[in-house]
């Protein structure tokens, strides 16, 4: 068990191995997210703030950015832990455009999408927020197995698996220029934990 997992279990987040769904994502994250070096991470969806406390204890030098659409969730943790907090809907392009302008392009090392788990929102957020990620940075999407639609052609897993084969990202939830942008911006895609978690690396 790695250090991030121990901290996750302490803060009772399901990203660890002991609480709720016990996803074990921290066993993957520790291989990519540094424990000591400065970095910037944006998390979409924070529920009770458990993962915010986890990230900050794991790496005190991390700059945390948060997006959540529930004001009550934003009242569950110390805001001083974060660089910036956004009350926004991850499926709203205009909301996300404002966030991109405020964060700036190429600033983030990591994005963790643990938001609505709706596939349209996965795709819209990826198209909108990927400009904020630096070249070589990583965009994670969690809980791909819990999405609310089972139409195979629109599942995020299916679309990304097709990308691996064709180098084309094609979502009917996106505009042609958004699909083209994502297609041209992804360096690699890798799945973990029985396809529950995906790691997307930006060119």
Protein backbone atom coordinates (compact mmCIF):
# COMPACT_ATOMS: atom_id res chain seq x y z
CA UNK A 1 0.00 0.00 0.00
CA UNK A 2 1.52 3.32 -1.03
CA UNK A 3 1.59 6.53 1.00
CA UNK A 4 -1.18 8.24 -0.98
CA UNK A 5 -3.48 5.30 -0.30
CA UNK A 6 -2.75 5.44 3.43
CA UNK A 7 -3.61 9.16 3.43
CA UNK A 8 -6.76 8.53 1.32
CA UNK A 9 -7.98 5.94 3.80
CA UNK A 10 -7.30 8.33 6.67
CA UNK A 11 -9.52 10.95 5.02
CA UNK A 12 -12.18 8.38 4.10
CA UNK A 13 -12.19 9.01 0.36
CA UNK A 14 -13.31 6.29 -2.04
CA UNK A 15 -10.15 6.90 -4.08
CA UNK A 16 -8.40 4.66 -1.52
CA UNK A 17 -8.89 1.03 -0.50
CA UNK A 18 -11.08 1.12 2.63
CA UNK A 19 -14.08 3.44 2.26
CA UNK A 20 -17.30 3.27 0.25
CA UNK A 21 -16.59 1.82 -3.24
CA UNK A 22 -12.85 1.36 -2.46
CA UNK A 23 -11.74 2.23 -5.98
CA UNK A 24 -7.98 2.02 -5.27
CA UNK A 25 -7.24 4.86 -7.70
CA UNK A 26 -4.56 6.18 -5.34
CA UNK A 27 -2.48 3.09 -6.11
CA UNK A 28 -2.31 4.46 -9.68
CA UNK A 29 -2.11 8.17 -8.87
CA UNK A 30 1.00 7.87 -6.73
CA UNK A 31 2.92 6.65 -9.81
CA UNK A 32 2.21 9.94 -11.60
CA UNK A 33 1.41 12.68 -9.08
CA UNK A 34 4.51 13.76 -7.12
CA UNK A 35 4.68 13.60 -3.36
CA UNK A 36 7.12 16.47 -2.87
CA UNK A 37 7.60 18.54 -6.02
CA UNK A 38 5.42 21.58 -6.79
CA UNK A 39 2.58 20.89 -9.22
CA UNK A 40 -0.91 22.12 -10.08
CA UNK A 41 -3.99 19.87 -9.99
CA UNK A 42 -7.63 20.61 -10.82
CA UNK A 43 -10.30 18.29 -9.43
CA UNK A 44 -13.86 18.30 -10.75
CA UNK A 45 -16.34 17.22 -8.07
CA UNK A 46 -15.25 17.15 -4.43
CA UNK A 47 -18.36 15.99 -2.48
CA UNK A 48 -17.28 16.39 1.18
CA UNK A 49 -13.78 17.64 0.43
CA UNK A 50 -12.09 14.39 1.49
CA UNK A 51 -9.86 14.26 -1.57
CA UNK A 52 -8.87 17.93 -1.14
CA UNK A 53 -7.56 17.15 2.32
CA UNK A 54 -5.89 14.03 0.93
CA UNK A 55 -4.04 15.83 -1.87
CA UNK A 56 -2.79 18.59 0.42
CA UNK A 57 -1.50 16.19 3.07
CA UNK A 58 0.15 14.07 0.39
CA UNK A 59 1.94 17.05 -1.17
CA UNK A 60 1.96 20.35 0.68
CA UNK A 61 3.44 22.04 -2.42
CA UNK A 62 0.50 21.18 -4.68
CA UNK A 63 -1.63 24.03 -6.02
CA UNK A 64 -5.22 22.80 -5.92
CA UNK A 65 -8.05 24.06 -8.12
CA UNK A 66 -11.61 22.87 -7.52
CA UNK A 67 -14.79 22.81 -9.61
CA UNK A 68 -18.11 21.80 -8.06
CA UNK A 69 -21.71 22.74 -8.84
CA UNK A 70 -22.98 22.26 -5.29
CA UNK A 71 -22.46 25.21 -2.91
CA UNK A 72 -22.88 22.85 0.06
CA UNK A 73 -19.89 20.79 -1.09
CA UNK A 74 -17.76 23.90 -1.10
CA UNK A 75 -18.58 24.46 2.56
CA UNK A 76 -17.13 21.12 3.67
CA UNK A 77 -13.41 21.95 3.68
CA UNK A 78 -10.94 24.71 4.47
CA UNK A 79 -10.77 26.96 1.39
CA UNK A 80 -7.20 27.89 2.32
CA UNK A 81 -6.19 24.44 1.07
CA UNK A 82 -6.97 25.54 -2.49
CA UNK A 83 -5.46 27.98 -4.92
CA UNK A 84 -8.86 28.66 -6.50
CA UNK A 85 -12.41 27.34 -6.08
CA UNK A 86 -15.01 27.53 -8.84
CA UNK A 87 -18.76 27.07 -8.38
CA UNK A 88 -19.61 25.83 -11.86
CA UNK A 89 -21.36 23.17 -13.91
CA UNK A 90 -18.89 20.96 -15.76
CA UNK A 91 -21.40 20.49 -18.57
CA UNK A 92 -21.72 24.23 -19.20
CA UNK A 93 -19.27 25.42 -21.85
CA UNK A 94 -19.61 29.06 -20.84
CA UNK A 95 -18.83 28.25 -17.20
CA UNK A 96 -15.77 26.30 -18.29
CA UNK A 97 -14.55 29.00 -20.68
CA UNK A 98 -14.52 31.47 -17.80
CA UNK A 99 -12.52 28.99 -15.70
CA UNK A 100 -9.97 28.50 -18.49
CA UNK A 101 -9.51 32.25 -18.76
CA UNK A 102 -8.96 32.53 -15.01
CA UNK A 103 -6.56 29.58 -14.68
CA UNK A 104 -4.66 30.23 -17.89
CA UNK A 105 -3.48 27.89 -20.63
CA UNK A 106 -0.79 25.30 -19.97
CA UNK A 107 -0.73 25.84 -16.21
CA UNK A 108 -2.10 22.52 -14.91
CA UNK A 109 -0.07 19.36 -14.50
CA UNK A 110 -3.12 17.22 -13.70
CA UNK A 111 -6.89 17.19 -14.01
CA UNK A 112 -9.02 14.65 -12.11
CA UNK A 113 -12.62 14.39 -13.32
CA UNK A 114 -14.67 12.93 -10.46
CA UNK A 115 -17.72 15.02 -11.26
CA UNK A 116 -21.15 14.07 -12.55
CA UNK A 117 -20.06 10.82 -14.27
CA UNK A 118 -22.24 11.76 -17.25
CA UNK A 119 -20.56 11.03 -20.55
CA UNK A 120 -21.60 14.30 -22.18
CA UNK A 121 -19.96 16.10 -19.26
CA UNK A 122 -16.80 14.02 -19.61
CA UNK A 123 -16.45 15.09 -23.23
CA UNK A 124 -17.42 18.75 -22.79
CA UNK A 125 -15.04 19.15 -19.84
CA UNK A 126 -12.20 17.46 -21.70
CA UNK A 127 -12.61 19.73 -24.72
CA UNK A 128 -12.91 22.87 -22.58
CA UNK A 129 -10.26 22.21 -19.94
CA UNK A 130 -7.54 20.44 -21.90
CA UNK A 131 -6.06 23.83 -22.96
CA UNK A 132 -5.27 24.43 -19.27
CA UNK A 133 -3.08 21.31 -19.16
CA UNK A 134 0.59 21.66 -20.02
CA UNK A 135 2.24 19.58 -22.72
CA UNK A 136 2.98 16.21 -21.14
CA UNK A 137 0.37 16.81 -18.43
CA UNK A 138 -2.25 14.25 -17.49
CA UNK A 139 -6.05 14.27 -17.51
CA UNK A 140 -7.70 11.50 -15.47
CA UNK A 141 -11.38 10.51 -15.68
CA UNK A 142 -12.70 8.36 -12.84
CA UNK A 143 -15.59 5.93 -12.45
CA UNK A 144 -16.15 5.20 -16.14
CA UNK A 145 -18.23 2.18 -15.12
CA UNK A 146 -20.89 4.28 -13.36
CA UNK A 147 -22.03 6.40 -16.30
CA UNK A 148 -25.77 6.87 -16.62
CA UNK A 149 -26.11 5.74 -20.25
CA UNK A 150 -25.32 2.35 -21.74
CA UNK A 151 -25.44 3.28 -25.41
CA UNK A 152 -22.11 1.82 -26.43
CA UNK A 153 -21.24 4.37 -29.10
CA UNK A 154 -21.39 7.31 -26.67
CA UNK A 155 -19.58 5.74 -23.74
CA UNK A 156 -16.37 7.53 -22.84
CA UNK A 157 -14.57 4.18 -22.61
CA UNK A 158 -15.64 3.21 -26.13
CA UNK A 159 -14.74 6.58 -27.64
CA UNK A 160 -11.27 6.53 -26.08
CA UNK A 161 -10.69 2.91 -27.08
CA UNK A 162 -11.59 3.91 -30.64
CA UNK A 163 -9.13 6.80 -30.35
CA UNK A 164 -6.35 4.34 -29.50
CA UNK A 165 -7.11 2.52 -32.77
CA UNK A 166 -7.81 5.48 -35.06
CA UNK A 167 -6.32 8.64 -33.44
CA UNK A 168 -9.79 10.16 -33.79
CA UNK A 169 -11.92 11.36 -30.87
CA UNK A 170 -15.53 11.42 -32.03
CA UNK A 171 -18.32 12.39 -29.63
CA UNK A 172 -21.79 13.41 -30.71
CA UNK A 173 -21.91 15.68 -27.67
CA UNK A 174 -19.17 17.87 -29.12
CA UNK A 175 -18.87 20.29 -32.00
CA UNK A 176 -16.64 19.23 -34.92
CA UNK A 177 -13.89 21.66 -33.91
CA UNK A 178 -13.95 20.29 -30.34
CA UNK A 179 -13.57 16.70 -31.54
CA UNK A 180 -10.76 17.80 -33.82
CA UNK A 181 -9.00 19.66 -31.01
CA UNK A 182 -9.07 16.64 -28.70
CA UNK A 183 -7.94 14.32 -31.52
CA UNK A 184 -4.95 16.55 -32.21
CA UNK A 185 -4.08 17.09 -28.54
CA UNK A 186 -3.90 13.58 -27.09
CA UNK A 187 -0.51 11.87 -26.95
CA UNK A 188 -1.66 8.64 -25.27
CA UNK A 189 -4.56 6.91 -23.53
CA UNK A 190 -4.23 4.20 -20.87
CA UNK A 191 -6.90 2.43 -18.82
CA UNK A 192 -6.58 1.09 -15.27
CA UNK A 193 -8.63 -0.86 -12.70
CA UNK A 194 -10.74 -2.82 -15.20
CA UNK A 195 -11.37 0.31 -17.29
CA UNK A 196 -12.76 2.28 -14.34
CA UNK A 197 -10.02 4.91 -14.61
CA UNK A 198 -8.42 6.42 -17.71
CA UNK A 199 -5.22 8.43 -18.04
CA UNK A 200 -5.00 10.82 -20.98
CA UNK A 201 -1.64 12.46 -21.66
CA UNK A 202 -1.54 15.72 -23.59
CA UNK A 203 0.85 16.25 -26.48
